[in-house]
Amino acid sequence: MNESLWNIDQVAAYLGVAVATIYTWRTKKYGPVGRRVGKHVRWDPQVVKDWFAAQPAEVA
């Protein structure tokens, strides 16, 4: 693993959403999968990037 694990603030910043959105997604089993490390949740940056890349592009 070349990068350190991301915390919720880093995931939210990368995806451009609020931290509260990440919490909501987790309760709905949506979004990139995070893993619990003790009492903290951490994300593998590559998993977050892969999840984002797999999302369908929408035309605004």
PDB file of N, CA and C in Angstrom:
ATOM      1  N   MET A   1       0.858  -1.176   0.000  1.00  0.00           N
ATOM      2  CA  MET A   1       0.000   0.000   0.000  1.00  0.00           C
ATOM      3  C   MET A   1       0.901   1.235   0.000  1.00  0.00           C
ATOM      4  N   ASN A   2       0.789   2.045  -1.026  1.00  0.00           N
ATOM      5  CA  ASN A   2       1.637   3.219  -1.145  1.00  0.00           C
ATOM      6  C   ASN A   2       1.117   4.422  -0.373  1.00  0.00           C
ATOM      7  N   GLU A   3      -0.169   4.521  -0.208  1.00  0.00           N
ATOM      8  CA  GLU A   3      -0.763   5.659   0.474  1.00  0.00           C
ATOM      9  C   GLU A   3      -1.268   5.234   1.842  1.00  0.00           C
ATOM     10  N   SER A   4      -1.288   6.192   2.762  1.00  0.00           N
ATOM     11  CA  SER A   4      -1.870   5.880   4.059  1.00  0.00           C
ATOM     12  C   SER A   4      -3.390   5.863   3.928  1.00  0.00           C
ATOM     13  N   LEU A   5      -4.034   5.292   4.897  1.00  0.00           N
ATOM     14  CA  LEU A   5      -5.487   5.211   4.876  1.00  0.00           C
ATOM     15  C   LEU A   5      -6.087   6.597   5.074  1.00  0.00           C
ATOM     16  N   TRP A   6      -7.262   6.815   4.486  1.00  0.00           N
ATOM     17  CA  TRP A   6      -7.951   8.097   4.606  1.00  0.00           C
ATOM     18  C   TRP A   6      -8.957   8.056   5.740  1.00  0.00           C
ATOM     19  N   ASN A   7      -9.132   9.204   6.395  1.00  0.00           N
ATOM     20  CA  ASN A   7     -10.205   9.337   7.373  1.00  0.00           C
ATOM     21  C   ASN A   7     -11.429   9.916   6.671  1.00  0.00           C
ATOM     22  N   ILE A   8     -12.500  10.092   7.405  1.00  0.00           N
ATOM     23  CA  ILE A   8     -13.758  10.527   6.794  1.00  0.00           C
ATOM     24  C   ILE A   8     -13.649  11.922   6.170  1.00  0.00           C
ATOM     25  N   ASP A   9     -12.858  12.797   6.784  1.00  0.00           N
ATOM     26  CA  ASP A   9     -12.684  14.141   6.227  1.00  0.00           C
ATOM     27  C   ASP A   9     -12.010  14.084   4.860  1.00  0.00           C
ATOM     28  N   GLN A  10     -11.029  13.208   4.723  1.00  0.00           N
ATOM     29  CA  GLN A  10     -10.318  13.078   3.453  1.00  0.00           C
ATOM     30  C   GLN A  10     -11.209  12.468   2.374  1.00  0.00           C
ATOM     31  N   VAL A  11     -12.019  11.485   2.743  1.00  0.00           N
ATOM     32  CA  VAL A  11     -12.939  10.874   1.778  1.00  0.00           C
ATOM     33  C   VAL A  11     -13.960  11.908   1.310  1.00  0.00           C
ATOM     34  N   ALA A  12     -14.529  12.645   2.253  1.00  0.00           N
ATOM     35  CA  ALA A  12     -15.514  13.670   1.913  1.00  0.00           C
ATOM     36  C   ALA A  12     -14.897  14.740   1.009  1.00  0.00           C
ATOM     37  N   ALA A  13     -13.677  15.158   1.313  1.00  0.00           N
ATOM     38  CA  ALA A  13     -13.009  16.177   0.500  1.00  0.00           C
ATOM     39  C   ALA A  13     -12.749  15.655  -0.912  1.00  0.00           C
ATOM     40  N   TYR A  14     -12.290  14.425  -1.032  1.00  0.00           N
ATOM     41  CA  TYR A  14     -12.011  13.849  -2.346  1.00  0.00           C
ATOM     42  C   TYR A  14     -13.283  13.775  -3.194  1.00  0.00           C
ATOM     43  N   LEU A  15     -14.389  13.357  -2.571  1.00  0.00           N
ATOM     44  CA  LEU A  15     -15.642  13.199  -3.298  1.00  0.00           C
ATOM     45  C   LEU A  15     -16.418  14.504  -3.419  1.00  0.00           C
ATOM     46  N   GLY A  16     -16.001  15.527  -2.687  1.00  0.00           N
ATOM     47  CA  GLY A  16     -16.675  16.816  -2.764  1.00  0.00           C
ATOM     48  C   GLY A  16     -18.044  16.827  -2.125  1.00  0.00           C
ATOM     49  N   VAL A  17     -18.184  16.063  -1.047  1.00  0.00           N
ATOM     50  CA  VAL A  17     -19.457  16.004  -0.327  1.00  0.00           C
ATOM     51  C   VAL A  17     -19.197  16.305   1.148  1.00  0.00           C
ATOM     52  N   ALA A  18     -20.268  16.561   1.876  1.00  0.00           N
ATOM     53  CA  ALA A  18     -20.145  16.821   3.305  1.00  0.00           C
ATOM     54  C   ALA A  18     -19.834  15.531   4.072  1.00  0.00           C
ATOM     55  N   VAL A  19     -19.178  15.689   5.206  1.00  0.00           N
ATOM     56  CA  VAL A  19     -18.898  14.536   6.067  1.00  0.00           C
ATOM     57  C   VAL A  19     -20.206  13.853   6.452  1.00  0.00           C
ATOM     58  N   ALA A  20     -21.243  14.640   6.703  1.00  0.00           N
ATOM     59  CA  ALA A  20     -22.546  14.063   7.056  1.00  0.00           C
ATOM     60  C   ALA A  20     -23.071  13.158   5.952  1.00  0.00           C
ATOM     61  N   THR A  21     -22.768  13.485   4.711  1.00  0.00           N
ATOM     62  CA  THR A  21     -23.190  12.645   3.588  1.00  0.00           C
ATOM     63  C   THR A  21     -22.522  11.281   3.661  1.00  0.00           C
ATOM     64  N   ILE A  22     -21.251  11.259   3.990  1.00  0.00           N
ATOM     65  CA  ILE A  22     -20.533   9.978   4.113  1.00  0.00           C
ATOM     66  C   ILE A  22     -21.170   9.138   5.227  1.00  0.00           C
ATOM     67  N   TYR A  23     -21.484   9.759   6.360  1.00  0.00           N
ATOM     68  CA  TYR A  23     -22.138   9.038   7.456  1.00  0.00           C
ATOM     69  C   TYR A  23     -23.494   8.479   6.999  1.00  0.00           C
ATOM     70  N   THR A  24     -24.261   9.280   6.279  1.00  0.00           N
ATOM     71  CA  THR A  24     -25.561   8.829   5.778  1.00  0.00           C
ATOM     72  C   THR A  24     -25.394   7.665   4.828  1.00  0.00           C
ATOM     73  N   TRP A  25     -24.441   7.782   3.913  1.00  0.00           N
ATOM     74  CA  TRP A  25     -24.187   6.692   2.971  1.00  0.00           C
ATOM     75  C   TRP A  25     -23.851   5.410   3.710  1.00  0.00           C
ATOM     76  N   ARG A  26     -23.038   5.502   4.755  1.00  0.00           N
ATOM     77  CA  ARG A  26     -22.644   4.298   5.497  1.00  0.00           C
ATOM     78  C   ARG A  26     -23.856   3.615   6.118  1.00  0.00           C
ATOM     79  N   THR A  27     -24.808   4.401   6.626  1.00  0.00           N
ATOM     80  CA  THR A  27     -25.999   3.790   7.227  1.00  0.00           C
ATOM     81  C   THR A  27     -26.874   3.127   6.176  1.00  0.00           C
ATOM     82  N   LYS A  28     -26.770   3.611   4.928  1.00  0.00           N
ATOM     83  CA  LYS A  28     -27.554   3.050   3.832  1.00  0.00           C
ATOM     84  C   LYS A  28     -26.768   2.024   3.015  1.00  0.00           C
ATOM     85  N   LYS A  29     -25.571   1.687   3.489  1.00  0.00           N
ATOM     86  CA  LYS A  29     -24.700   0.718   2.805  1.00  0.00           C
ATOM     87  C   LYS A  29     -24.405   1.150   1.369  1.00  0.00           C
ATOM     88  N   TYR A  30     -24.152   2.430   1.185  1.00  0.00           N
ATOM     89  CA  TYR A  30     -23.825   3.022  -0.099  1.00  0.00           C
ATOM     90  C   TYR A  30     -22.447   3.663   0.028  1.00  0.00           C
ATOM     91  N   GLY A  31     -21.833   3.920  -1.076  1.00  0.00           N
ATOM     92  CA  GLY A  31     -20.543   4.606  -1.061  1.00  0.00           C
ATOM     93  C   GLY A  31     -19.380   3.637  -0.948  1.00  0.00           C
ATOM     94  N   PRO A  32     -18.180   4.198  -0.948  1.00  0.00           N
ATOM     95  CA  PRO A  32     -16.998   3.341  -0.851  1.00  0.00           C
ATOM     96  C   PRO A  32     -16.942   2.653   0.513  1.00  0.00           C
ATOM     97  N   VAL A  33     -16.478   1.432   0.509  1.00  0.00           N
ATOM     98  CA  VAL A  33     -16.441   0.636   1.731  1.00  0.00           C
ATOM     99  C   VAL A  33     -15.279   1.078   2.613  1.00  0.00           C
ATOM    100  N   GLY A  34     -15.618   1.399   3.850  1.00  0.00           N
ATOM    101  CA  GLY A  34     -14.612   1.723   4.847  1.00  0.00           C
ATOM    102  C   GLY A  34     -14.461   0.567   5.815  1.00  0.00           C
ATOM    103  N   ARG A  35     -13.356   0.580   6.521  1.00  0.00           N
ATOM    104  CA  ARG A  35     -13.118  -0.491   7.501  1.00  0.00           C
ATOM    105  C   ARG A  35     -12.860   0.117   8.860  1.00  0.00           C
ATOM    106  N   ARG A  36     -13.378  -0.552   9.865  1.00  0.00           N
ATOM    107  CA  ARG A  36     -13.199  -0.077  11.224  1.00  0.00           C
ATOM    108  C   ARG A  36     -11.805  -0.487  11.714  1.00  0.00           C
ATOM    109  N   VAL A  37     -11.117   0.505  12.270  1.00  0.00           N
ATOM    110  CA  VAL A  37      -9.815   0.280  12.902  1.00  0.00           C
ATOM    111  C   VAL A  37      -9.981   0.781  14.333  1.00  0.00           C
ATOM    112  N   GLY A  38     -10.242  -0.155  15.235  1.00  0.00           N
ATOM    113  CA  GLY A  38     -10.589   0.257  16.594  1.00  0.00           C
ATOM    114  C   GLY A  38     -11.916   0.989  16.550  1.00  0.00           C
ATOM    115  N   LYS A  39     -11.938   2.212  17.078  1.00  0.00           N
ATOM    116  CA  LYS A  39     -13.181   2.990  17.050  1.00  0.00           C
ATOM    117  C   LYS A  39     -13.269   3.911  15.837  1.00  0.00           C
ATOM    118  N   HIS A  40     -12.281   3.862  14.980  1.00  0.00           N
ATOM    119  CA  HIS A  40     -12.219   4.738  13.813  1.00  0.00           C
ATOM    120  C   HIS A  40     -12.573   3.982  12.536  1.00  0.00           C
ATOM    121  N   VAL A  41     -13.079   4.720  11.551  1.00  0.00           N
ATOM    122  CA  VAL A  41     -13.322   4.142  10.229  1.00  0.00           C
ATOM    123  C   VAL A  41     -12.287   4.737   9.288  1.00  0.00           C
ATOM    124  N   ARG A  42     -11.659   3.865   8.504  1.00  0.00           N
ATOM    125  CA  ARG A  42     -10.635   4.300   7.556  1.00  0.00           C
ATOM    126  C   ARG A  42     -10.942   3.705   6.190  1.00  0.00           C
ATOM    127  N   TRP A  43     -10.496   4.412   5.157  1.00  0.00           N
ATOM    128  CA  TRP A  43     -10.722   4.000   3.780  1.00  0.00           C
ATOM    129  C   TRP A  43      -9.404   3.863   3.060  1.00  0.00           C
ATOM    130  N   ASP A  44      -9.298   2.837   2.246  1.00  0.00           N
ATOM    131  CA  ASP A  44      -8.166   2.679   1.345  1.00  0.00           C
ATOM    132  C   ASP A  44      -8.405   3.670   0.200  1.00  0.00           C
ATOM    133  N   PRO A  45      -7.486   4.599  -0.044  1.00  0.00           N
ATOM    134  CA  PRO A  45      -7.696   5.593  -1.103  1.00  0.00           C
ATOM    135  C   PRO A  45      -8.007   4.974  -2.462  1.00  0.00           C
ATOM    136  N   GLN A  46      -7.396   3.846  -2.777  1.00  0.00           N
ATOM    137  CA  GLN A  46      -7.642   3.220  -4.077  1.00  0.00           C
ATOM    138  C   GLN A  46      -9.065   2.690  -4.175  1.00  0.00           C
ATOM    139  N   VAL A  47      -9.605   2.190  -3.068  1.00  0.00           N
ATOM    140  CA  VAL A  47     -10.990   1.714  -3.051  1.00  0.00           C
ATOM    141  C   VAL A  47     -11.940   2.886  -3.300  1.00  0.00           C
ATOM    142  N   VAL A  48     -11.657   4.029  -2.691  1.00  0.00           N
ATOM    143  CA  VAL A  48     -12.489   5.219  -2.888  1.00  0.00           C
ATOM    144  C   VAL A  48     -12.430   5.655  -4.353  1.00  0.00           C
ATOM    145  N   LYS A  49     -11.238   5.702  -4.906  1.00  0.00           N
ATOM    146  CA  LYS A  49     -11.061   6.121  -6.299  1.00  0.00           C
ATOM    147  C   LYS A  49     -11.730   5.137  -7.256  1.00  0.00           C
ATOM    148  N   ASP A  50     -11.594   3.848  -6.995  1.00  0.00           N
ATOM    149  CA  ASP A  50     -12.227   2.828  -7.838  1.00  0.00           C
ATOM    150  C   ASP A  50     -13.749   2.925  -7.760  1.00  0.00           C
ATOM    151  N   TRP A  51     -14.276   3.151  -6.547  1.00  0.00           N
ATOM    152  CA  TRP A  51     -15.721   3.289  -6.379  1.00  0.00           C
ATOM    153  C   TRP A  51     -16.214   4.483  -7.188  1.00  0.00           C
ATOM    154  N   PHE A  52     -15.522   5.592  -7.084  1.00  0.00           N
ATOM    155  CA  PHE A  52     -15.916   6.786  -7.819  1.00  0.00           C
ATOM    156  C   PHE A  52     -15.884   6.540  -9.320  1.00  0.00           C
ATOM    157  N   ALA A  53     -14.837   5.898  -9.805  1.00  0.00           N
ATOM    158  CA  ALA A  53     -14.696   5.621 -11.241  1.00  0.00           C
ATOM    159  C   ALA A  53     -15.797   4.694 -11.750  1.00  0.00           C
ATOM    160  N   ALA A  54     -16.314   3.839 -10.875  1.00  0.00           N
ATOM    161  CA  ALA A  54     -17.346   2.879 -11.274  1.00  0.00           C
ATOM    162  C   ALA A  54     -18.751   3.489 -11.311  1.00  0.00           C
ATOM    163  N   GLN A  55     -18.901   4.712 -10.786  1.00  0.00           N
ATOM    164  CA  GLN A  55     -20.216   5.349 -10.773  1.00  0.00           C
ATOM    165  C   GLN A  55     -20.566   5.818 -12.190  1.00  0.00           C
ATOM    166  N   PRO A  56     -21.821   5.632 -12.571  1.00  0.00           N
ATOM    167  CA  PRO A  56     -22.216   6.064 -13.913  1.00  0.00           C
ATOM    168  C   PRO A  56     -22.132   7.589 -14.028  1.00  0.00           C
ATOM    169  N   ALA A  57     -21.682   8.035 -15.175  1.00  0.00           N
ATOM    170  CA  ALA A  57     -21.630   9.464 -15.448  1.00  0.00           C
ATOM    171  C   ALA A  57     -23.053   9.959 -15.730  1.00  0.00           C
ATOM    172  N   GLU A  58     -23.406  11.064 -15.125  1.00  0.00           N
ATOM    173  CA  GLU A  58     -24.730  11.639 -15.344  1.00  0.00           C
ATOM    174  C   GLU A  58     -24.569  12.986 -16.029  1.00  0.00           C
ATOM    175  N   VAL A  59     -25.463  13.253 -16.907  1.00  0.00           N
ATOM    176  CA  VAL A  59     -25.450  14.528 -17.597  1.00  0.00           C
ATOM    177  C   VAL A  59     -26.293  15.506 -16.780  1.00  0.00           C
ATOM    178  N   ALA A  60     -25.669  16.612 -16.406  1.00  0.00           N
ATOM    179  CA  ALA A  60     -26.381  17.595 -15.579  1.00  0.00           C
ATOM    180  C   ALA A  60     -27.246  18.496 -16.426  1.00  0.00           C
TER     181      ALA A  60
END
